Amino acid sequence: MDSTPAADISNPFTSVPIEVNVCVGKARPLIRDLVMLGENAVLTLDSRMDDPVELYVGDRLIARGLLEEQEGDPSGQLVVRLTEIVDLQKSP
């Protein structure tokens, strides 16, 4: 059974696509280290593989979730399984 909510066909804005950015972590290198990076360099993030990722629309946090590989997709397509939806009524 699909758990996707039905679109409100009376509202034309529901069919407008938006971009959702998924943040897997942050790095805080010194500028002198950043300018020295080259191909195959490794930048250490402040998160681990099993840590939740954050989903943003613009600069607004909308949800958190876990990265997974899409089942049955041999190409290794990434998906996000949502674990928390931010209450946008309470957030600033």
Protein backbone atom coordinates (compact mmCIF):
# COMPACT_ATOMS: atom_id res chain seq x y z
CA MET A 1 0.00 0.00 0.00
CA ASP A 2 1.38 3.41 -0.98
CA SER A 3 1.61 5.83 1.97
CA THR A 4 1.98 8.89 -0.27
CA PRO A 5 -0.69 11.49 0.54
CA ALA A 6 -3.13 12.28 -2.26
CA ALA A 7 -2.45 15.53 -4.07
CA ASP A 8 -4.97 18.32 -3.57
CA ILE A 9 -6.10 18.78 -7.17
CA SER A 10 -7.97 21.98 -6.26
CA ASN A 11 -4.64 23.69 -5.44
CA PRO A 12 -2.47 24.27 -8.55
CA PHE A 13 0.66 24.78 -6.42
CA THR A 14 0.73 21.11 -5.38
CA SER A 15 2.11 20.15 -8.80
CA VAL A 16 5.01 22.63 -8.74
CA PRO A 17 8.35 20.83 -8.25
CA ILE A 18 10.72 21.97 -5.51
CA GLU A 19 14.32 21.12 -4.77
CA VAL A 20 15.06 19.22 -1.56
CA ASN A 21 18.70 19.26 -0.42
CA VAL A 22 19.98 16.39 1.70
CA CYS A 23 22.82 17.26 4.07
CA VAL A 24 24.94 14.28 5.10
CA GLY A 25 27.37 16.25 7.25
CA LYS A 26 29.69 19.20 7.48
CA ALA A 27 33.44 19.66 7.26
CA ARG A 28 35.35 22.54 8.84
CA PRO A 29 38.82 22.61 7.35
CA LEU A 30 41.16 25.55 7.64
CA ILE A 31 41.37 27.62 4.47
CA ARG A 32 45.03 26.68 4.03
CA ASP A 33 44.04 22.98 4.09
CA LEU A 34 41.09 23.54 1.75
CA VAL A 35 43.17 25.20 -0.97
CA MET A 36 45.63 22.29 -0.82
CA LEU A 37 42.94 19.71 -1.66
CA GLY A 38 43.23 17.98 -4.98
CA GLU A 39 41.76 15.04 -6.84
CA ASN A 40 41.29 11.99 -4.59
CA ALA A 41 41.72 14.08 -1.42
CA VAL A 42 39.57 13.07 1.54
CA LEU A 43 37.51 15.60 3.47
CA THR A 44 36.39 14.31 6.88
CA LEU A 45 32.78 15.03 7.81
CA ASP A 46 31.33 15.44 11.29
CA SER A 47 28.97 12.49 10.81
CA ARG A 48 29.02 8.71 10.47
CA MET A 49 27.40 6.40 7.90
CA ASP A 50 24.46 5.55 10.21
CA ASP A 51 23.79 9.12 11.37
CA PRO A 52 20.54 10.74 10.23
CA VAL A 53 20.68 13.12 7.28
CA GLU A 54 18.81 16.42 7.21
CA LEU A 55 16.45 17.49 4.44
CA TYR A 56 16.15 21.18 3.57
CA VAL A 57 13.98 23.25 1.28
CA GLY A 58 16.00 26.42 0.89
CA ASP A 59 17.46 27.03 4.33
CA ARG A 60 14.46 25.51 6.15
CA LEU A 61 14.91 22.10 7.81
CA ILE A 62 11.87 20.00 6.92
CA ALA A 63 12.79 16.44 7.92
CA ARG A 64 15.44 13.94 8.99
CA GLY A 65 16.02 10.45 7.68
CA LEU A 66 18.41 7.61 6.96
CA LEU A 67 20.25 7.01 3.70
CA GLU A 68 19.52 3.66 2.08
CA GLU A 69 20.02 1.98 -1.26
CA GLN A 70 16.79 1.59 -3.21
CA GLU A 71 15.62 -2.01 -3.02
CA GLY A 72 15.92 -3.90 -6.26
CA ASP A 73 17.98 -1.22 -8.00
CA PRO A 74 21.29 -2.72 -9.17
CA SER A 75 22.77 0.75 -9.80
CA GLY A 76 22.87 1.56 -6.07
CA GLN A 77 20.37 4.45 -6.27
CA LEU A 78 20.24 6.31 -2.95
CA VAL A 79 16.97 7.08 -1.18
CA VAL A 80 16.14 8.70 2.16
CA ARG A 81 13.82 6.89 4.58
CA LEU A 82 12.16 9.66 6.59
CA THR A 83 12.34 9.19 10.35
CA GLU A 84 11.21 12.62 11.52
CA ILE A 85 9.10 15.37 9.99
CA VAL A 86 9.73 18.83 11.40
CA ASP A 87 6.64 20.62 12.70
CA LEU A 88 6.77 23.67 10.43
CA GLN A 89 4.05 25.37 12.50
CA LYS A 90 6.40 25.49 15.54
CA SER A 91 9.73 26.12 13.81
CA PRO A 92 10.87 29.72 13.18
